Amino acid sequence: MDNAAFHKRADILELLEQQGHKILWLPAYSPHLNPIEHMWAWVKRKRKEWLIDSVDELFRVFFESCMDNKVV
């Protein structure tokens, strides 16, 4: 998990522990290790190709691309 402050809230940590999860923290400043960062980079590249006029359209195109296995 990345080191975002909201991930370290006591209630979140307690909930994860109660469910038997062990947290593996990513090193600071290591977005290359966080898969979602790769996805956001892909979205930023693709949005320049897509002629999109609204956030709703962006989500629709994004999810269609994911469902078509065209993501990363």
PDB file of N, CA and C in Angstrom:
ATOM      1  N   MET A   1       0.853  -1.164   0.000  1.00  0.00           N
ATOM      2  CA  MET A   1       0.000   0.000   0.000  1.00  0.00           C
ATOM      3  C   MET A   1       0.899   1.228   0.000  1.00  0.00           C
ATOM      4  N   ASP A   2       0.418   2.284  -0.677  1.00  0.00           N
ATOM      5  CA  ASP A   2       1.227   3.494  -0.670  1.00  0.00           C
ATOM      6  C   ASP A   2       1.094   4.195   0.684  1.00  0.00           C
ATOM      7  N   ASN A   3       1.839   5.249   0.851  1.00  0.00           N
ATOM      8  CA  ASN A   3       1.903   5.916   2.150  1.00  0.00           C
ATOM      9  C   ASN A   3       0.968   7.114   2.268  1.00  0.00           C
ATOM     10  N   ALA A   4      -0.121   7.103   1.529  1.00  0.00           N
ATOM     11  CA  ALA A   4      -1.093   8.190   1.636  1.00  0.00           C
ATOM     12  C   ALA A   4      -1.616   8.257   3.071  1.00  0.00           C
ATOM     13  N   ALA A   5      -1.794   9.462   3.558  1.00  0.00           N
ATOM     14  CA  ALA A   5      -2.191   9.654   4.957  1.00  0.00           C
ATOM     15  C   ALA A   5      -3.489   8.930   5.295  1.00  0.00           C
ATOM     16  N   PHE A   6      -4.453   8.918   4.367  1.00  0.00           N
ATOM     17  CA  PHE A   6      -5.740   8.282   4.684  1.00  0.00           C
ATOM     18  C   PHE A   6      -5.616   6.770   4.802  1.00  0.00           C
ATOM     19  N   HIS A   7      -4.561   6.182   4.268  1.00  0.00           N
ATOM     20  CA  HIS A   7      -4.344   4.743   4.438  1.00  0.00           C
ATOM     21  C   HIS A   7      -3.824   4.410   5.835  1.00  0.00           C
ATOM     22  N   LYS A   8      -3.330   5.411   6.535  1.00  0.00           N
ATOM     23  CA  LYS A   8      -2.736   5.179   7.853  1.00  0.00           C
ATOM     24  C   LYS A   8      -3.661   5.564   9.002  1.00  0.00           C
ATOM     25  N   ARG A   9      -4.910   5.883   8.688  1.00  0.00           N
ATOM     26  CA  ARG A   9      -5.857   6.219   9.753  1.00  0.00           C
ATOM     27  C   ARG A   9      -6.019   5.022  10.677  1.00  0.00           C
ATOM     28  N   ALA A  10      -6.127   5.302  11.951  1.00  0.00           N
ATOM     29  CA  ALA A  10      -6.217   4.239  12.955  1.00  0.00           C
ATOM     30  C   ALA A  10      -7.394   3.309  12.695  1.00  0.00           C
ATOM     31  N   ASP A  11      -8.552   3.861  12.317  1.00  0.00           N
ATOM     32  CA  ASP A  11      -9.720   3.009  12.087  1.00  0.00           C
ATOM     33  C   ASP A  11      -9.524   2.092  10.877  1.00  0.00           C
ATOM     34  N   ILE A  12      -8.841   2.577   9.866  1.00  0.00           N
ATOM     35  CA  ILE A  12      -8.567   1.751   8.683  1.00  0.00           C
ATOM     36  C   ILE A  12      -7.591   0.638   9.042  1.00  0.00           C
ATOM     37  N   LEU A  13      -6.528   0.982   9.738  1.00  0.00           N
ATOM     38  CA  LEU A  13      -5.532  -0.019  10.133  1.00  0.00           C
ATOM     39  C   LEU A  13      -6.155  -1.081  11.031  1.00  0.00           C
ATOM     40  N   GLU A  14      -7.014  -0.649  11.956  1.00  0.00           N
ATOM     41  CA  GLU A  14      -7.682  -1.593  12.857  1.00  0.00           C
ATOM     42  C   GLU A  14      -8.601  -2.537  12.074  1.00  0.00           C
ATOM     43  N   LEU A  15      -9.351  -1.992  11.141  1.00  0.00           N
ATOM     44  CA  LEU A  15     -10.247  -2.811  10.328  1.00  0.00           C
ATOM     45  C   LEU A  15      -9.464  -3.864   9.536  1.00  0.00           C
ATOM     46  N   LEU A  16      -8.379  -3.458   8.936  1.00  0.00           N
ATOM     47  CA  LEU A  16      -7.558  -4.403   8.175  1.00  0.00           C
ATOM     48  C   LEU A  16      -6.998  -5.499   9.079  1.00  0.00           C
ATOM     49  N   GLU A  17      -6.536  -5.102  10.249  1.00  0.00           N
ATOM     50  CA  GLU A  17      -5.990  -6.077  11.199  1.00  0.00           C
ATOM     51  C   GLU A  17      -7.069  -7.054  11.658  1.00  0.00           C
ATOM     52  N   GLN A  18      -8.262  -6.552  11.947  1.00  0.00           N
ATOM     53  CA  GLN A  18      -9.371  -7.417  12.383  1.00  0.00           C
ATOM     54  C   GLN A  18      -9.732  -8.452  11.317  1.00  0.00           C
ATOM     55  N   GLN A  19      -9.550  -8.093  10.066  1.00  0.00           N
ATOM     56  CA  GLN A  19      -9.878  -8.998   8.964  1.00  0.00           C
ATOM     57  C   GLN A  19      -8.719  -9.938   8.626  1.00  0.00           C
ATOM     58  N   GLY A  20      -7.626  -9.822   9.378  1.00  0.00           N
ATOM     59  CA  GLY A  20      -6.493 -10.718   9.186  1.00  0.00           C
ATOM     60  C   GLY A  20      -5.550 -10.326   8.062  1.00  0.00           C
ATOM     61  N   HIS A  21      -5.628  -9.074   7.617  1.00  0.00           N
ATOM     62  CA  HIS A  21      -4.761  -8.614   6.538  1.00  0.00           C
ATOM     63  C   HIS A  21      -3.448  -8.082   7.099  1.00  0.00           C
ATOM     64  N   LYS A  22      -2.391  -8.289   6.352  1.00  0.00           N
ATOM     65  CA  LYS A  22      -1.097  -7.726   6.704  1.00  0.00           C
ATOM     66  C   LYS A  22      -0.766  -6.663   5.668  1.00  0.00           C
ATOM     67  N   ILE A  23      -0.403  -5.495   6.116  1.00  0.00           N
ATOM     68  CA  ILE A  23      -0.109  -4.391   5.212  1.00  0.00           C
ATOM     69  C   ILE A  23       1.362  -4.426   4.833  1.00  0.00           C
ATOM     70  N   LEU A  24       1.599  -4.359   3.554  1.00  0.00           N
ATOM     71  CA  LEU A  24       2.956  -4.227   3.033  1.00  0.00           C
ATOM     72  C   LEU A  24       3.059  -2.826   2.442  1.00  0.00           C
ATOM     73  N   TRP A  25       3.817  -1.968   3.100  1.00  0.00           N
ATOM     74  CA  TRP A  25       3.928  -0.577   2.672  1.00  0.00           C
ATOM     75  C   TRP A  25       4.937  -0.452   1.545  1.00  0.00           C
ATOM     76  N   LEU A  26       4.595   0.334   0.556  1.00  0.00           N
ATOM     77  CA  LEU A  26       5.528   0.636  -0.521  1.00  0.00           C
ATOM     78  C   LEU A  26       6.535   1.661  -0.025  1.00  0.00           C
ATOM     79  N   PRO A  27       7.744   1.613  -0.547  1.00  0.00           N
ATOM     80  CA  PRO A  27       8.709   2.656  -0.187  1.00  0.00           C
ATOM     81  C   PRO A  27       8.187   4.022  -0.642  1.00  0.00           C
ATOM     82  N   ALA A  28       8.582   5.052   0.065  1.00  0.00           N
ATOM     83  CA  ALA A  28       8.165   6.404  -0.308  1.00  0.00           C
ATOM     84  C   ALA A  28       8.665   6.745  -1.708  1.00  0.00           C
ATOM     85  N   TYR A  29       7.878   7.523  -2.415  1.00  0.00           N
ATOM     86  CA  TYR A  29       8.245   8.002  -3.749  1.00  0.00           C
ATOM     87  C   TYR A  29       8.579   6.866  -4.713  1.00  0.00           C
ATOM     88  N   SER A  30       7.713   5.869  -4.764  1.00  0.00           N
ATOM     89  CA  SER A  30       7.948   4.727  -5.658  1.00  0.00           C
ATOM     90  C   SER A  30       6.693   4.401  -6.473  1.00  0.00           C
ATOM     91  N   PRO A  31       6.192   5.353  -7.246  1.00  0.00           N
ATOM     92  CA  PRO A  31       4.974   5.099  -8.009  1.00  0.00           C
ATOM     93  C   PRO A  31       5.128   3.963  -9.012  1.00  0.00           C
ATOM     94  N   HIS A  32       6.359   3.678  -9.428  1.00  0.00           N
ATOM     95  CA  HIS A  32       6.589   2.582 -10.378  1.00  0.00           C
ATOM     96  C   HIS A  32       6.224   1.224  -9.778  1.00  0.00           C
ATOM     97  N   LEU A  33       6.113   1.136  -8.453  1.00  0.00           N
ATOM     98  CA  LEU A  33       5.745  -0.118  -7.793  1.00  0.00           C
ATOM     99  C   LEU A  33       4.239  -0.233  -7.549  1.00  0.00           C
ATOM    100  N   ASN A  34       3.508   0.820  -7.836  1.00  0.00           N
ATOM    101  CA  ASN A  34       2.074   0.849  -7.560  1.00  0.00           C
ATOM    102  C   ASN A  34       1.308   0.696  -8.876  1.00  0.00           C
ATOM    103  N   PRO A  35       0.665  -0.457  -9.101  1.00  0.00           N
ATOM    104  CA  PRO A  35       0.001  -0.711 -10.390  1.00  0.00           C
ATOM    105  C   PRO A  35      -1.005   0.356 -10.811  1.00  0.00           C
ATOM    106  N   ILE A  36      -1.704   0.973  -9.881  1.00  0.00           N
ATOM    107  CA  ILE A  36      -2.698   1.975 -10.272  1.00  0.00           C
ATOM    108  C   ILE A  36      -2.040   3.179 -10.918  1.00  0.00           C
ATOM    109  N   GLU A  37      -0.800   3.454 -10.566  1.00  0.00           N
ATOM    110  CA  GLU A  37      -0.095   4.577 -11.184  1.00  0.00           C
ATOM    111  C   GLU A  37       0.136   4.314 -12.668  1.00  0.00           C
ATOM    112  N   HIS A  38       0.366   3.044 -13.022  1.00  0.00           N
ATOM    113  CA  HIS A  38       0.514   2.685 -14.435  1.00  0.00           C
ATOM    114  C   HIS A  38      -0.807   2.917 -15.168  1.00  0.00           C
ATOM    115  N   MET A  39      -1.906   2.597 -14.508  1.00  0.00           N
ATOM    116  CA  MET A  39      -3.223   2.795 -15.109  1.00  0.00           C
ATOM    117  C   MET A  39      -3.496   4.276 -15.331  1.00  0.00           C
ATOM    118  N   TRP A  40      -3.182   5.113 -14.334  1.00  0.00           N
ATOM    119  CA  TRP A  40      -3.414   6.546 -14.494  1.00  0.00           C
ATOM    120  C   TRP A  40      -2.554   7.106 -15.616  1.00  0.00           C
ATOM    121  N   ALA A  41      -1.331   6.636 -15.742  1.00  0.00           N
ATOM    122  CA  ALA A  41      -0.465   7.094 -16.839  1.00  0.00           C
ATOM    123  C   ALA A  41      -1.082   6.718 -18.183  1.00  0.00           C
ATOM    124  N   TRP A  42      -1.647   5.502 -18.274  1.00  0.00           N
ATOM    125  CA  TRP A  42      -2.297   5.049 -19.502  1.00  0.00           C
ATOM    126  C   TRP A  42      -3.500   5.931 -19.825  1.00  0.00           C
ATOM    127  N   VAL A  43      -4.321   6.224 -18.813  1.00  0.00           N
ATOM    128  CA  VAL A  43      -5.499   7.073 -19.021  1.00  0.00           C
ATOM    129  C   VAL A  43      -5.071   8.453 -19.520  1.00  0.00           C
ATOM    130  N   LYS A  44      -4.034   9.015 -18.931  1.00  0.00           N
ATOM    131  CA  LYS A  44      -3.573  10.342 -19.346  1.00  0.00           C
ATOM    132  C   LYS A  44      -3.092  10.335 -20.793  1.00  0.00           C
ATOM    133  N   ARG A  45      -2.417   9.253 -21.197  1.00  0.00           N
ATOM    134  CA  ARG A  45      -1.978   9.148 -22.594  1.00  0.00           C
ATOM    135  C   ARG A  45      -3.171   9.005 -23.535  1.00  0.00           C
ATOM    136  N   LYS A  46      -4.100   8.133 -23.163  1.00  0.00           N
ATOM    137  CA  LYS A  46      -5.239   7.834 -24.023  1.00  0.00           C
ATOM    138  C   LYS A  46      -6.201   9.013 -24.159  1.00  0.00           C
ATOM    139  N   ARG A  47      -6.358   9.791 -23.118  1.00  0.00           N
ATOM    140  CA  ARG A  47      -7.350  10.874 -23.186  1.00  0.00           C
ATOM    141  C   ARG A  47      -6.979  11.893 -24.256  1.00  0.00           C
ATOM    142  N   LYS A  48      -5.693  11.949 -24.609  1.00  0.00           N
ATOM    143  CA  LYS A  48      -5.278  12.843 -25.690  1.00  0.00           C
ATOM    144  C   LYS A  48      -5.728  12.301 -27.048  1.00  0.00           C
ATOM    145  N   GLU A  49      -5.858  10.987 -27.146  1.00  0.00           N
ATOM    146  CA  GLU A  49      -6.325  10.361 -28.388  1.00  0.00           C
ATOM    147  C   GLU A  49      -7.847  10.410 -28.489  1.00  0.00           C
ATOM    148  N   TRP A  50      -8.524  10.240 -27.378  1.00  0.00           N
ATOM    149  CA  TRP A  50      -9.979  10.215 -27.370  1.00  0.00           C
ATOM    150  C   TRP A  50     -10.498  11.649 -27.446  1.00  0.00           C
ATOM    151  N   LEU A  51     -11.447  11.876 -28.304  1.00  0.00           N
ATOM    152  CA  LEU A  51     -12.079  13.194 -28.376  1.00  0.00           C
ATOM    153  C   LEU A  51     -13.299  13.154 -27.466  1.00  0.00           C
ATOM    154  N   ILE A  52     -13.095  13.586 -26.235  1.00  0.00           N
ATOM    155  CA  ILE A  52     -14.110  13.432 -25.196  1.00  0.00           C
ATOM    156  C   ILE A  52     -14.509  14.801 -24.662  1.00  0.00           C
ATOM    157  N   ASP A  53     -15.821  14.986 -24.528  1.00  0.00           N
ATOM    158  CA  ASP A  53     -16.346  16.281 -24.098  1.00  0.00           C
ATOM    159  C   ASP A  53     -16.798  16.325 -22.646  1.00  0.00           C
ATOM    160  N   SER A  54     -16.843  15.177 -21.982  1.00  0.00           N
ATOM    161  CA  SER A  54     -17.360  15.184 -20.611  1.00  0.00           C
ATOM    162  C   SER A  54     -16.711  14.078 -19.784  1.00  0.00           C
ATOM    163  N   VAL A  55     -16.818  14.226 -18.484  1.00  0.00           N
ATOM    164  CA  VAL A  55     -16.300  13.205 -17.573  1.00  0.00           C
ATOM    165  C   VAL A  55     -17.076  11.908 -17.751  1.00  0.00           C
ATOM    166  N   ASP A  56     -18.386  12.010 -17.953  1.00  0.00           N
ATOM    167  CA  ASP A  56     -19.196  10.804 -18.163  1.00  0.00           C
ATOM    168  C   ASP A  56     -18.708  10.022 -19.380  1.00  0.00           C
ATOM    169  N   GLU A  57     -18.408  10.734 -20.447  1.00  0.00           N
ATOM    170  CA  GLU A  57     -17.904  10.083 -21.659  1.00  0.00           C
ATOM    171  C   GLU A  57     -16.528   9.460 -21.403  1.00  0.00           C
ATOM    172  N   LEU A  58     -15.688  10.149 -20.634  1.00  0.00           N
ATOM    173  CA  LEU A  58     -14.377   9.598 -20.293  1.00  0.00           C
ATOM    174  C   LEU A  58     -14.531   8.274 -19.561  1.00  0.00           C
ATOM    175  N   PHE A  59     -15.419   8.224 -18.576  1.00  0.00           N
ATOM    176  CA  PHE A  59     -15.637   6.979 -17.838  1.00  0.00           C
ATOM    177  C   PHE A  59     -16.169   5.880 -18.748  1.00  0.00           C
ATOM    178  N   ARG A  60     -17.104   6.234 -19.637  1.00  0.00           N
ATOM    179  CA  ARG A  60     -17.669   5.236 -20.541  1.00  0.00           C
ATOM    180  C   ARG A  60     -16.581   4.636 -21.435  1.00  0.00           C
ATOM    181  N   VAL A  61     -15.770   5.496 -22.044  1.00  0.00           N
ATOM    182  CA  VAL A  61     -14.702   5.022 -22.928  1.00  0.00           C
ATOM    183  C   VAL A  61     -13.668   4.227 -22.139  1.00  0.00           C
ATOM    184  N   PHE A  62     -13.332   4.703 -20.958  1.00  0.00           N
ATOM    185  CA  PHE A  62     -12.362   4.004 -20.115  1.00  0.00           C
ATOM    186  C   PHE A  62     -12.844   2.595 -19.778  1.00  0.00           C
ATOM    187  N   PHE A  63     -14.079   2.473 -19.314  1.00  0.00           N
ATOM    188  CA  PHE A  63     -14.592   1.159 -18.928  1.00  0.00           C
ATOM    189  C   PHE A  63     -14.763   0.245 -20.130  1.00  0.00           C
ATOM    190  N   GLU A  64     -15.161   0.795 -21.259  1.00  0.00           N
ATOM    191  CA  GLU A  64     -15.244  -0.029 -22.465  1.00  0.00           C
ATOM    192  C   GLU A  64     -13.868  -0.561 -22.844  1.00  0.00           C
ATOM    193  N   SER A  65     -12.856   0.279 -22.735  1.00  0.00           N
ATOM    194  CA  SER A  65     -11.495  -0.155 -23.043  1.00  0.00           C
ATOM    195  C   SER A  65     -11.040  -1.248 -22.086  1.00  0.00           C
ATOM    196  N   CYS A  66     -11.364  -1.086 -20.819  1.00  0.00           N
ATOM    197  CA  CYS A  66     -11.010  -2.121 -19.833  1.00  0.00           C
ATOM    198  C   CYS A  66     -11.699  -3.438 -20.170  1.00  0.00           C
ATOM    199  N   MET A  67     -12.971  -3.366 -20.519  1.00  0.00           N
ATOM    200  CA  MET A  67     -13.729  -4.579 -20.822  1.00  0.00           C
ATOM    201  C   MET A  67     -13.239  -5.244 -22.103  1.00  0.00           C
ATOM    202  N   ASP A  68     -12.684  -4.448 -23.009  1.00  0.00           N
ATOM    203  CA  ASP A  68     -12.154  -4.992 -24.257  1.00  0.00           C
ATOM    204  C   ASP A  68     -10.716  -5.483 -24.101  1.00  0.00           C
ATOM    205  N   ASN A  69     -10.209  -5.455 -22.876  1.00  0.00           N
ATOM    206  CA  ASN A  69      -8.831  -5.882 -22.591  1.00  0.00           C
ATOM    207  C   ASN A  69      -7.799  -5.085 -23.374  1.00  0.00           C
ATOM    208  N   LYS A  70      -8.077  -3.829 -23.570  1.00  0.00           N
ATOM    209  CA  LYS A  70      -7.141  -2.969 -24.279  1.00  0.00           C
ATOM    210  C   LYS A  70      -6.309  -2.139 -23.311  1.00  0.00           C
ATOM    211  N   VAL A  71      -6.426  -2.437 -22.049  1.00  0.00           N
ATOM    212  CA  VAL A  71      -5.746  -1.639 -21.029  1.00  0.00           C
ATOM    213  C   VAL A  71      -4.356  -2.187 -20.787  1.00  0.00           C
ATOM    214  N   VAL A  72      -3.405  -1.314 -20.861  1.00  0.00           N
ATOM    215  CA  VAL A  72      -1.990  -1.562 -20.594  1.00  0.00           C
ATOM    216  C   VAL A  72      -1.502  -2.849 -21.101  1.00  0.00           C
TER     217      VAL A  72
END
